[in-house]
Amino acid sequence: LIEWVRDTQTLKSVVTTEAVRANLGAGFMSELRQDYVEGMYKLAPEDGAKMYLRALKLAKYERQFVTNFRGVQQAVPADLLLRGVLSLCASPESYVTMRQRFATSLAV
């Protein structure tokens, strides 16, 4: 699932495509990202990477940081990636092969 290898998709595109199929809306992932960034900005009003670094350094905001992340995480259906990967597979055998190769590539 590496973008520059022919006939592959990034994990982001697999999840986004599945979100559209699940009738969550075409902008669902963008909206979640925007909500997350706005929550981070409230903790550390900086731009870009400086915002993340500052929010992480400020230990007093750790609870809000985790709460913000979990809120976005809970908005995404737990099986969204699984459904996306299953939609790429033509048969149960191809799913097992894809899962095995993916696990092997993570282990390396």
Protein backbone atom coordinates (compact mmCIF):
# COMPACT_ATOMS: atom_id res chain seq x y z
CA LEU A 1 0.00 0.00 0.00
CA ILE A 2 2.76 2.42 -0.93
CA GLU A 3 1.66 5.28 -3.16
CA TRP A 4 4.58 5.27 -5.58
CA VAL A 5 4.34 1.56 -6.40
CA ARG A 6 2.11 0.95 -9.43
CA ASP A 7 -1.49 -0.18 -8.78
CA THR A 8 -1.41 0.57 -5.04
CA GLN A 9 -3.18 2.99 -2.71
CA THR A 10 -2.12 4.79 0.43
CA LEU A 11 -3.83 3.85 3.70
CA LYS A 12 -5.33 7.33 3.76
CA SER A 13 -6.99 6.84 0.38
CA VAL A 14 -8.27 3.37 1.39
CA VAL A 15 -9.85 4.78 4.56
CA THR A 16 -11.22 7.87 2.79
CA THR A 17 -12.76 5.78 0.01
CA GLU A 18 -14.37 3.46 2.55
CA ALA A 19 -15.71 6.44 4.51
CA VAL A 20 -17.45 7.64 1.35
CA ARG A 21 -18.85 4.12 0.73
CA ALA A 22 -20.13 4.02 4.32
CA ASN A 23 -22.10 7.25 3.65
CA LEU A 24 -20.02 9.23 6.12
CA GLY A 25 -19.56 11.91 3.49
CA ALA A 26 -16.77 12.90 1.13
CA GLY A 27 -15.33 15.43 3.56
CA PHE A 28 -15.64 13.27 6.68
CA MET A 29 -11.91 12.71 7.16
CA SER A 30 -11.10 16.37 6.41
CA GLU A 31 -13.68 17.49 8.96
CA LEU A 32 -12.21 15.18 11.59
CA ARG A 33 -8.73 16.50 10.89
CA GLN A 34 -9.98 20.07 11.13
CA ASP A 35 -11.69 19.34 14.47
CA TYR A 36 -8.47 17.81 15.78
CA VAL A 37 -6.33 20.76 14.66
CA GLU A 38 -8.78 23.25 16.18
CA GLY A 39 -8.63 21.37 19.48
CA MET A 40 -4.84 21.44 19.37
CA TYR A 41 -4.82 25.14 18.49
CA LYS A 42 -6.84 25.90 21.63
CA LEU A 43 -4.11 24.22 23.70
CA ALA A 44 -1.17 25.82 21.91
CA PRO A 45 -1.97 28.72 19.57
CA GLU A 46 0.91 28.21 17.15
CA ASP A 47 1.04 27.24 13.48
CA GLY A 48 1.92 23.83 12.02
CA ALA A 49 4.44 21.61 13.75
CA LYS A 50 5.15 24.24 16.42
CA MET A 51 1.58 23.79 17.65
CA TYR A 52 2.03 20.03 18.14
CA LEU A 53 5.42 20.42 19.79
CA ARG A 54 4.21 23.09 22.19
CA ALA A 55 1.06 21.13 23.10
CA LEU A 56 3.10 18.01 23.78
CA LYS A 57 5.65 19.87 25.89
CA LEU A 58 3.01 21.41 28.12
CA ALA A 59 2.30 18.57 30.52
CA LYS A 60 -0.62 20.43 32.07
CA TYR A 61 -2.53 19.98 28.80
CA GLU A 62 -1.92 16.23 28.55
CA ARG A 63 -5.48 15.32 29.56
CA GLN A 64 -7.03 17.71 27.02
CA PHE A 65 -4.60 16.48 24.37
CA VAL A 66 -5.63 12.86 24.93
CA THR A 67 -9.32 13.79 25.16
CA ASN A 68 -9.08 15.68 21.87
CA PHE A 69 -7.43 12.70 20.15
CA ARG A 70 -9.89 10.16 21.58
CA GLY A 71 -12.84 12.27 20.46
CA VAL A 72 -11.62 12.15 16.87
CA GLN A 73 -10.71 8.48 17.20
CA GLN A 74 -14.19 7.56 18.43
CA ALA A 75 -15.83 9.37 15.51
CA VAL A 76 -14.20 6.93 13.06
CA PRO A 77 -15.91 3.53 12.83
CA ALA A 78 -13.60 0.89 14.32
CA ASP A 79 -13.81 -1.39 11.29
CA LEU A 80 -13.36 1.27 8.61
CA LEU A 81 -9.82 0.22 7.67
CA LEU A 82 -10.77 -3.47 7.72
CA ARG A 83 -13.69 -2.84 5.36
CA GLY A 84 -11.45 -0.82 3.07
CA VAL A 85 -8.84 -3.58 2.91
CA LEU A 86 -11.52 -6.21 2.34
CA SER A 87 -12.87 -4.19 -0.58
CA LEU A 88 -9.41 -4.38 -2.21
CA CYS A 89 -9.39 -8.18 -2.03
CA ALA A 90 -10.96 -10.37 -4.71
CA SER A 91 -11.19 -13.46 -2.49
CA PRO A 92 -10.62 -14.61 1.09
CA GLU A 93 -7.26 -16.03 0.02
CA SER A 94 -6.12 -12.68 -1.31
CA TYR A 95 -7.12 -11.06 2.00
CA VAL A 96 -5.01 -13.55 3.97
CA THR A 97 -2.07 -12.95 1.62
CA MET A 98 -2.43 -9.16 1.90
CA ARG A 99 -2.69 -9.33 5.68
CA GLN A 100 0.39 -11.55 5.90
CA ARG A 101 2.47 -9.26 3.68
CA PHE A 102 1.34 -6.18 5.56
CA ALA A 103 2.24 -7.74 8.92
CA THR A 104 5.60 -8.87 7.56
CA SER A 105 6.38 -5.39 6.24
CA LEU A 106 5.57 -3.86 9.65
CA ALA A 107 7.82 -6.35 11.41
CA VAL A 108 10.85 -5.46 9.29
